[in-house]
N, C-alpha and C. Protein backbone atom coordinates (compact mmCIF):
# COMPACT_ATOMS: atom_id res chain seq x y z
N MET A 1 118.66 -15.96 93.97
CA MET A 1 117.62 -15.83 94.02
C MET A 1 117.87 -13.98 94.19
N VAL A 2 116.56 -13.67 93.26
CA VAL A 2 116.79 -11.94 93.21
C VAL A 2 115.58 -11.41 94.30
N LEU A 3 116.17 -9.87 94.64
CA LEU A 3 115.17 -9.69 95.47
C LEU A 3 114.14 -9.24 95.71
N ASP A 4 113.50 -9.28 94.50
CA ASP A 4 111.82 -9.49 94.18
C ASP A 4 111.47 -10.64 95.32
N GLU A 5 112.11 -11.95 94.83
CA GLU A 5 111.71 -13.36 95.15
C GLU A 5 112.45 -13.31 96.38
N THR A 6 113.28 -12.48 97.24
CA THR A 6 113.08 -12.20 99.00
C THR A 6 111.86 -11.93 99.69
N THR A 7 111.60 -10.45 99.09
CA THR A 7 110.49 -9.97 99.89
C THR A 7 109.18 -10.30 99.36
N ASP A 8 108.80 -11.23 98.18
CA ASP A 8 107.71 -12.05 98.35
C ASP A 8 107.72 -12.78 99.67
N ARG A 9 108.93 -13.64 99.73
CA ARG A 9 108.95 -14.85 101.09
C ARG A 9 108.97 -13.88 102.09
N VAL A 10 109.39 -12.89 101.91
CA VAL A 10 109.37 -11.87 103.36
C VAL A 10 107.84 -11.76 104.03
N ILE A 11 107.35 -10.82 102.89
CA ILE A 11 105.94 -10.75 103.02
C ILE A 11 104.73 -11.59 103.07
N ALA A 12 104.98 -12.52 102.12
CA ALA A 12 104.29 -14.08 102.67
C ALA A 12 104.55 -14.70 104.13
N SER A 13 105.73 -14.83 104.91
CA SER A 13 106.28 -15.08 106.22
C SER A 13 105.13 -14.18 107.17
N CYS A 14 105.25 -12.96 106.88
CA CYS A 14 104.41 -11.64 107.65
C CYS A 14 103.20 -12.22 108.01
N PHE A 15 102.51 -12.49 106.89
CA PHE A 15 101.37 -12.84 106.86
C PHE A 15 100.57 -14.17 107.58
N LYS A 16 101.89 -15.14 107.08
CA LYS A 16 101.44 -16.35 107.74
C LYS A 16 101.41 -16.02 109.31
N VAL A 17 102.40 -15.35 109.92
CA VAL A 17 102.88 -15.42 111.36
C VAL A 17 101.52 -14.62 111.63
N HIS A 18 101.11 -13.49 111.27
CA HIS A 18 100.28 -12.38 111.15
C HIS A 18 98.59 -13.39 111.67
N LYS A 19 98.45 -14.37 110.78
CA LYS A 19 97.19 -14.79 110.44
C LYS A 19 96.77 -15.91 111.66
N ALA A 20 97.94 -16.43 111.91
CA ALA A 20 98.15 -17.85 113.18
C ALA A 20 97.98 -17.06 114.88
N LEU A 21 99.14 -16.20 114.66
CA LEU A 21 99.22 -15.37 115.75
C LEU A 21 97.82 -14.62 116.43
N GLY A 22 97.40 -13.59 115.50
CA GLY A 22 96.83 -12.67 115.55
C GLY A 22 97.30 -11.44 116.16
N ALA A 23 97.01 -10.57 116.84
CA ALA A 23 97.09 -9.22 117.35
C ALA A 23 97.01 -9.23 118.91
N GLY A 24 98.58 -9.10 119.02
CA GLY A 24 97.88 -8.84 121.25
C GLY A 24 99.43 -9.32 121.40
N PHE A 25 100.01 -9.57 121.00
CA PHE A 25 101.82 -10.34 121.76
C PHE A 25 102.44 -9.21 122.02
N LEU A 26 103.53 -9.11 122.50
CA LEU A 26 104.71 -8.15 122.57
C LEU A 26 105.15 -8.63 121.29
N GLU A 27 106.34 -7.90 121.34
CA GLU A 27 107.10 -7.78 119.18
C GLU A 27 108.05 -9.03 119.20
N LYS A 28 108.55 -9.31 120.52
CA LYS A 28 109.42 -10.62 120.14
C LYS A 28 108.33 -12.08 120.11
N VAL A 29 107.43 -11.62 120.73
CA VAL A 29 106.78 -13.07 120.36
C VAL A 29 106.30 -13.02 118.25
N TYR A 30 106.32 -12.35 117.77
CA TYR A 30 106.38 -12.01 116.57
C TYR A 30 107.70 -12.39 115.78
N GLU A 31 108.87 -11.55 116.47
CA GLU A 31 109.87 -12.11 115.81
C GLU A 31 110.31 -13.00 115.85
N ASN A 32 110.30 -13.95 116.89
CA ASN A 32 110.57 -15.72 116.97
C ASN A 32 109.84 -15.75 116.39
N ALA A 33 108.37 -16.15 115.97
CA ALA A 33 107.62 -16.59 115.32
C ALA A 33 108.01 -16.25 113.59
N LEU A 34 108.19 -15.12 113.35
CA LEU A 34 108.88 -14.63 111.94
C LEU A 34 110.63 -15.42 112.02
N VAL A 35 110.69 -15.58 112.79
CA VAL A 35 112.58 -16.03 112.03
C VAL A 35 112.47 -17.58 112.17
N MET A 36 110.96 -18.20 112.88
CA MET A 36 111.22 -19.34 112.48
C MET A 36 110.75 -19.66 111.03
N GLU A 37 109.34 -18.88 110.60
CA GLU A 37 108.79 -19.19 109.20
C GLU A 37 110.13 -18.54 107.90
N LEU A 38 110.37 -17.46 108.26
CA LEU A 38 111.45 -17.07 107.23
C LEU A 38 112.46 -18.20 107.14
N GLU A 39 113.37 -18.88 108.51
CA GLU A 39 113.95 -19.65 108.20
C GLU A 39 113.22 -21.38 107.23
N ARG A 40 112.34 -21.48 107.56
CA ARG A 40 111.40 -22.53 107.16
C ARG A 40 111.15 -22.24 105.37
N ASN A 41 111.80 -20.72 105.18
CA ASN A 41 110.93 -20.24 103.46
C ASN A 41 112.74 -20.14 102.93
N GLY A 42 113.49 -21.15 103.42
CA GLY A 42 114.73 -21.21 102.98
C GLY A 42 115.48 -19.78 102.84
N LEU A 43 115.53 -18.52 104.41
CA LEU A 43 116.00 -17.08 103.91
C LEU A 43 116.89 -17.21 105.13
N THR A 44 118.45 -16.57 104.67
CA THR A 44 119.09 -16.46 105.58
C THR A 44 118.53 -15.28 106.71
N VAL A 45 118.27 -15.76 107.78
CA VAL A 45 117.94 -14.68 108.87
C VAL A 45 118.74 -14.41 109.86
N ARG A 46 119.10 -12.99 110.30
CA ARG A 46 120.23 -12.71 111.60
C ARG A 46 118.99 -12.18 112.75
N GLN A 47 118.36 -12.40 113.88
CA GLN A 47 117.81 -11.51 114.74
C GLN A 47 118.64 -10.65 115.69
N GLN A 48 118.13 -9.27 115.62
CA GLN A 48 118.56 -8.56 116.79
C GLN A 48 120.70 -8.31 115.73
N ALA A 49 120.36 -7.87 114.93
CA ALA A 49 121.40 -7.84 113.74
C ALA A 49 122.17 -6.44 114.41
N PRO A 50 123.39 -6.33 114.87
CA PRO A 50 124.19 -5.07 114.93
C PRO A 50 123.81 -4.49 113.65
N ILE A 51 124.16 -2.89 114.03
CA ILE A 51 124.40 -1.97 112.44
C ILE A 51 125.24 -1.23 113.26
N SER A 52 126.44 -0.91 113.00
CA SER A 52 126.72 0.38 113.07
C SER A 52 126.05 1.68 112.39
N VAL A 53 126.56 3.00 113.00
CA VAL A 53 125.80 4.19 112.46
C VAL A 53 127.15 4.90 112.59
N GLU A 54 127.55 5.61 111.54
CA GLU A 54 129.21 6.15 111.07
C GLU A 54 128.51 7.55 110.87
N TYR A 55 129.68 8.72 111.70
CA TYR A 55 130.10 10.00 111.41
C TYR A 55 131.13 10.54 111.09
N GLU A 56 131.19 10.64 109.62
CA GLU A 56 132.84 11.10 109.26
C GLU A 56 133.35 9.76 109.11
N GLY A 57 133.04 8.33 109.05
CA GLY A 57 134.00 7.75 109.15
C GLY A 57 134.49 7.13 110.27
N VAL A 58 134.08 7.29 111.35
CA VAL A 58 133.99 7.04 112.79
C VAL A 58 132.30 6.74 112.97
N VAL A 59 132.60 5.49 114.09
CA VAL A 59 131.77 4.65 114.17
C VAL A 59 130.78 5.39 115.76
N VAL A 60 129.61 6.27 115.82
CA VAL A 60 129.56 6.60 116.47
C VAL A 60 128.26 6.55 117.31
N GLY A 61 127.59 5.38 116.80
CA GLY A 61 126.82 4.06 117.74
C GLY A 61 126.34 3.27 116.93
N GLU A 62 125.27 2.33 117.53
CA GLU A 62 124.77 1.28 116.95
C GLU A 62 123.68 0.98 117.37
N TYR A 63 123.02 0.60 116.59
CA TYR A 63 121.60 0.08 116.54
C TYR A 63 121.31 -1.57 116.22
N PHE A 64 120.16 -2.08 116.50
CA PHE A 64 119.70 -3.73 116.51
C PHE A 64 118.76 -3.78 115.85
N ALA A 65 118.84 -4.05 114.14
CA ALA A 65 117.79 -4.89 113.23
C ALA A 65 117.13 -6.11 114.01
N ASP A 66 115.68 -5.76 113.80
CA ASP A 66 115.31 -6.43 114.10
C ASP A 66 115.46 -7.86 114.25
N ILE A 67 115.33 -7.75 112.53
CA ILE A 67 115.08 -9.50 111.62
C ILE A 67 116.27 -8.74 110.34
N LEU A 68 117.49 -9.03 110.20
CA LEU A 68 118.25 -9.36 109.08
C LEU A 68 118.20 -10.29 107.70
N VAL A 69 117.66 -10.02 106.44
CA VAL A 69 117.27 -11.34 106.00
C VAL A 69 118.13 -11.26 105.07
N ASP A 70 118.58 -12.33 104.47
CA ASP A 70 119.79 -12.65 103.23
C ASP A 70 120.74 -11.39 103.25
N GLU A 71 120.60 -10.48 104.55
CA GLU A 71 121.70 -9.46 104.72
C GLU A 71 121.08 -8.35 103.35
N ARG A 72 120.67 -7.89 103.13
CA ARG A 72 119.89 -7.33 101.96
C ARG A 72 118.67 -6.65 102.90
N VAL A 73 117.49 -7.07 103.41
CA VAL A 73 116.10 -6.73 104.10
C VAL A 73 116.44 -6.50 105.32
N ILE A 74 115.80 -5.46 105.71
CA ILE A 74 115.70 -5.49 107.48
C ILE A 74 113.87 -4.69 107.66
N LEU A 75 113.97 -5.82 108.82
CA LEU A 75 112.87 -5.97 109.26
C LEU A 75 112.60 -5.29 110.43
N GLU A 76 111.82 -4.00 110.70
CA GLU A 76 111.56 -3.13 112.29
C GLU A 76 110.19 -3.86 112.45
N LEU A 77 110.16 -4.70 113.69
CA LEU A 77 108.85 -5.30 114.06
C LEU A 77 107.59 -3.85 114.42
N LYS A 78 106.77 -3.69 114.49
CA LYS A 78 105.90 -2.96 115.44
C LYS A 78 105.02 -3.60 115.93
N ALA A 79 104.79 -3.62 117.41
CA ALA A 79 103.40 -4.90 117.42
C ALA A 79 101.90 -3.09 118.18
N ASN A 80 102.02 -2.15 117.10
CA ASN A 80 101.00 -1.68 118.27
C ASN A 80 99.80 -1.20 116.41
N GLU A 81 98.90 -0.28 116.93
CA GLU A 81 97.69 -0.29 116.50
C GLU A 81 97.89 0.35 115.14
N SER A 82 99.06 1.37 115.30
CA SER A 82 99.42 1.90 113.67
C SER A 82 100.60 2.73 113.78
N LEU A 83 101.37 2.80 112.78
CA LEU A 83 102.57 3.10 112.90
C LEU A 83 102.28 4.58 112.81
N SER A 84 103.60 5.40 114.14
CA SER A 84 103.61 7.27 113.43
C SER A 84 104.93 6.63 112.73
N LYS A 85 104.80 8.57 111.95
CA LYS A 85 105.92 9.26 111.78
C LYS A 85 107.06 8.78 112.02
N ASP A 86 107.45 8.54 113.25
CA ASP A 86 109.01 8.52 114.31
C ASP A 86 109.23 6.95 113.49
N HIS A 87 108.02 5.90 114.23
CA HIS A 87 108.19 4.25 113.35
C HIS A 87 109.19 4.79 111.99
N GLU A 88 108.69 5.68 111.23
CA GLU A 88 108.69 6.00 109.52
C GLU A 88 110.39 6.40 109.65
N VAL A 89 110.96 7.43 110.28
CA VAL A 89 111.95 8.20 110.12
C VAL A 89 113.40 7.04 110.94
N GLN A 90 112.57 6.35 111.67
CA GLN A 90 112.91 5.21 112.48
C GLN A 90 114.16 4.35 111.18
N LEU A 91 112.98 3.71 110.45
CA LEU A 91 113.61 2.82 109.59
C LEU A 91 114.32 3.12 108.23
N VAL A 92 113.77 4.80 107.96
CA VAL A 92 114.57 5.15 107.04
C VAL A 92 116.06 5.72 107.19
N ASN A 93 115.92 6.01 109.21
CA ASN A 93 117.50 6.20 109.07
C ASN A 93 118.54 4.90 109.46
N TYR A 94 117.75 4.06 109.79
CA TYR A 94 118.36 2.17 109.50
C TYR A 94 119.42 1.86 108.40
N LEU A 95 118.00 2.36 106.82
CA LEU A 95 118.18 2.04 105.76
C LEU A 95 119.54 3.04 105.65
N ALA A 96 119.17 4.04 105.73
CA ALA A 96 120.93 4.86 105.11
C ALA A 96 122.41 4.82 106.37
N ALA A 97 121.80 3.87 107.59
CA ALA A 97 123.18 3.57 107.85
C ALA A 97 123.87 2.48 107.44
N THR A 98 122.99 1.50 107.00
CA THR A 98 123.73 0.32 105.67
C THR A 98 123.48 0.14 104.75
N GLY A 99 122.82 1.44 104.09
CA GLY A 99 123.17 1.34 102.48
C GLY A 99 122.07 0.58 101.92
N LEU A 100 121.19 -0.46 102.61
CA LEU A 100 120.26 -0.49 101.94
C LEU A 100 118.75 0.14 101.32
N ASP A 101 118.34 -0.51 100.44
CA ASP A 101 117.16 -0.14 100.34
C ASP A 101 115.75 -0.85 100.61
N ILE A 102 115.98 -2.02 101.10
CA ILE A 102 114.84 -2.15 101.88
C ILE A 102 114.99 -2.89 103.27
């Protein structure tokens, strides 16, 4: 499966969950529903996937990606009215730590 097909499935799943649940729930509710939907769409999903952060070859910390899809796509869920610059920086750092692009 090519990455474009994976991201298409991810985006479609996100819209389906949002349409069904609407706004106002905690992130964990959306996360659980999205995991179900992604798996129904044939994707491999890891919830709260641990990712190590290294500095000069030494692990200096660990964070948990909300959802890791097919070991190639990180989903960081936010249940907010809008996203802040801090949210964007957080995700960029997650991508850098994993070497992933999406």
